[in-house]
C-alpha cells in the first residue's frame, strides 16, 4: 500500500507565501508524474501544477509566475512553493501521483491540506 501525505497548509495573509509538501510512503512503488490540484468551495477540482519524473513542469495560467512545483525523487516528495498568494487561492490542495505499485499502475491522492488566504 502506498500513501501520499500532504503538509504545510494554513492561514496566510494576501501577498504571503506557503510551501506545501507531499511525501509518498509504502513499499514496491515507483512514482511517475506528480501534481497538485485544488478545490475551492463550490468549485470543481482543478490542476494547479504538474511535474514529470524528469522534472518537466506545467502550471495553470492562474498561478504561473507565483507557484513553483519541484520534487525530490530520493525522498519521494513533491513540493509546491506558493508566493504572492491571493484570496482566490483559498482551497483544499491535494497531491496526486501516478505510480507503479507492485507492477500495477495506480493513481494516488493525498487527503488534502487547507490553504486559507485572508485579504
Protein backbone atom coordinates (compact mmCIF):
# COMPACT_ATOMS: atom_id res chain seq x y z
CA UNK A 1 0.00 0.00 0.00
CA UNK A 2 1.29 3.46 -0.91
CA UNK A 3 0.09 6.66 0.71
CA UNK A 4 0.51 10.34 -0.07
CA UNK A 5 0.61 12.66 2.91
CA UNK A 6 0.45 16.43 2.46
CA UNK A 7 1.62 19.07 4.91
CA UNK A 8 2.23 22.79 5.02
CA UNK A 9 -1.23 24.28 4.65
CA UNK A 10 -2.52 27.04 6.87
CA UNK A 11 -3.69 30.61 7.12
CA UNK A 12 -1.71 33.36 5.45
CA UNK A 13 -2.34 36.98 4.53
CA UNK A 14 -2.63 38.06 0.92
CA UNK A 15 0.82 38.57 -0.55
CA UNK A 16 2.34 35.95 1.70
CA UNK A 17 3.90 32.59 0.96
CA UNK A 18 3.40 28.96 1.88
CA UNK A 19 5.20 25.77 0.96
CA UNK A 20 3.27 22.54 0.65
CA UNK A 21 4.91 19.14 0.81
CA UNK A 22 3.64 15.74 -0.20
CA UNK A 23 5.52 12.60 0.72
CA UNK A 24 4.83 9.14 -0.62
CA UNK A 25 5.36 6.19 1.67
CA UNK A 26 4.99 2.46 1.30
CA UNK A 27 6.83 -0.31 -0.47
CA UNK A 28 7.37 -1.62 -4.00
CA UNK A 29 6.45 1.54 -5.86
CA UNK A 30 7.82 3.94 -8.44
CA UNK A 31 6.42 7.42 -8.86
CA UNK A 32 5.79 8.87 -12.28
CA UNK A 33 4.31 12.34 -12.78
CA UNK A 34 3.12 14.16 -9.68
CA UNK A 35 0.73 17.07 -9.47
CA UNK A 36 -1.06 19.47 -7.18
CA UNK A 37 -4.78 20.07 -7.50
CA UNK A 38 -7.03 22.38 -5.56
CA UNK A 39 -10.71 22.62 -4.87
CA UNK A 40 -12.35 25.78 -3.62
CA UNK A 41 -15.79 25.73 -2.00
CA UNK A 42 -18.48 25.30 -4.62
CA UNK A 43 -15.98 24.82 -7.44
CA UNK A 44 -14.59 21.88 -9.36
CA UNK A 45 -11.19 20.48 -8.58
CA UNK A 46 -8.56 21.96 -10.85
CA UNK A 47 -4.98 21.07 -11.54
CA UNK A 48 -2.55 23.71 -10.36
CA UNK A 49 0.83 22.31 -11.31
CA UNK A 50 2.38 19.13 -12.59
CA UNK A 51 5.92 17.76 -12.67
CA UNK A 52 7.15 14.71 -14.51
CA UNK A 53 9.71 12.26 -13.19
CA UNK A 54 12.44 14.04 -15.18
CA UNK A 55 11.45 17.47 -13.87
CA UNK A 56 9.37 18.96 -16.67
CA UNK A 57 6.69 21.25 -15.28
CA UNK A 58 3.50 22.97 -16.29
CA UNK A 59 1.13 25.30 -14.48
CA UNK A 60 -2.38 26.61 -14.57
CA UNK A 61 -2.49 30.12 -16.01
CA UNK A 62 -3.85 31.44 -12.72
CA UNK A 63 -0.67 30.53 -10.82
CA UNK A 64 2.07 30.99 -13.41
CA UNK A 65 4.87 33.15 -12.09
CA UNK A 66 3.69 32.75 -8.49
CA UNK A 67 3.80 29.00 -7.78
CA UNK A 68 6.70 26.61 -8.29
CA UNK A 69 6.45 22.83 -8.23
CA UNK A 70 9.52 20.72 -7.52
CA UNK A 71 10.32 17.21 -6.41
CA UNK A 72 12.98 15.23 -4.60
CA UNK A 73 12.96 11.77 -6.11
CA UNK A 74 15.27 10.40 -3.43
CA UNK A 75 12.69 11.37 -0.81
CA UNK A 76 9.61 10.54 -2.92
CA UNK A 77 8.39 14.03 -2.18
CA UNK A 78 6.84 16.81 -4.23
CA UNK A 79 6.65 20.44 -3.15
CA UNK A 80 4.57 23.44 -4.08
CA UNK A 81 6.06 26.83 -3.28
CA UNK A 82 3.29 29.41 -3.34
CA UNK A 83 4.22 33.08 -3.40
CA UNK A 84 2.19 36.26 -3.76
CA UNK A 85 -0.86 34.44 -2.52
CA UNK A 86 -4.28 35.84 -3.26
CA UNK A 87 -7.63 35.27 -1.54
CA UNK A 88 -8.76 33.36 -4.62
CA UNK A 89 -6.03 30.79 -3.93
CA UNK A 90 -8.02 29.68 -0.89
CA UNK A 91 -8.82 25.99 -1.35
CA UNK A 92 -8.08 22.49 -0.23
CA UNK A 93 -4.90 21.42 -2.02
CA UNK A 94 -4.48 17.79 -3.00
CA UNK A 95 -1.38 15.90 -4.03
CA UNK A 96 -1.73 13.47 -6.93
CA UNK A 97 0.68 10.93 -8.35
CA UNK A 98 0.80 8.28 -10.99
CA UNK A 99 2.63 5.30 -9.62
CA UNK A 100 3.62 1.77 -10.43
CA UNK A 101 2.69 -0.21 -7.33
CA UNK A 102 3.61 -3.89 -7.33
CA UNK A 103 3.85 -3.69 -11.16
CA UNK A 104 0.36 -2.18 -11.50
CA UNK A 105 -0.34 1.43 -12.47
CA UNK A 106 -2.33 3.33 -9.87
CA UNK A 107 -3.41 6.90 -9.41
CA UNK A 108 -2.84 8.11 -5.88
CA UNK A 109 -4.37 11.01 -3.98
CA UNK A 110 -3.49 12.61 -0.70
CA UNK A 111 -6.02 13.60 1.92
CA UNK A 112 -5.76 17.31 1.19
CA UNK A 113 -4.47 20.29 3.10
CA UNK A 114 -6.36 23.55 3.57
CA UNK A 115 -4.87 26.83 2.43
CA UNK A 116 -6.68 29.97 3.50
CA UNK A 117 -5.58 33.37 2.22
CA UNK A 118 -7.06 36.34 4.02
CA UNK A 119 -7.44 39.76 2.41
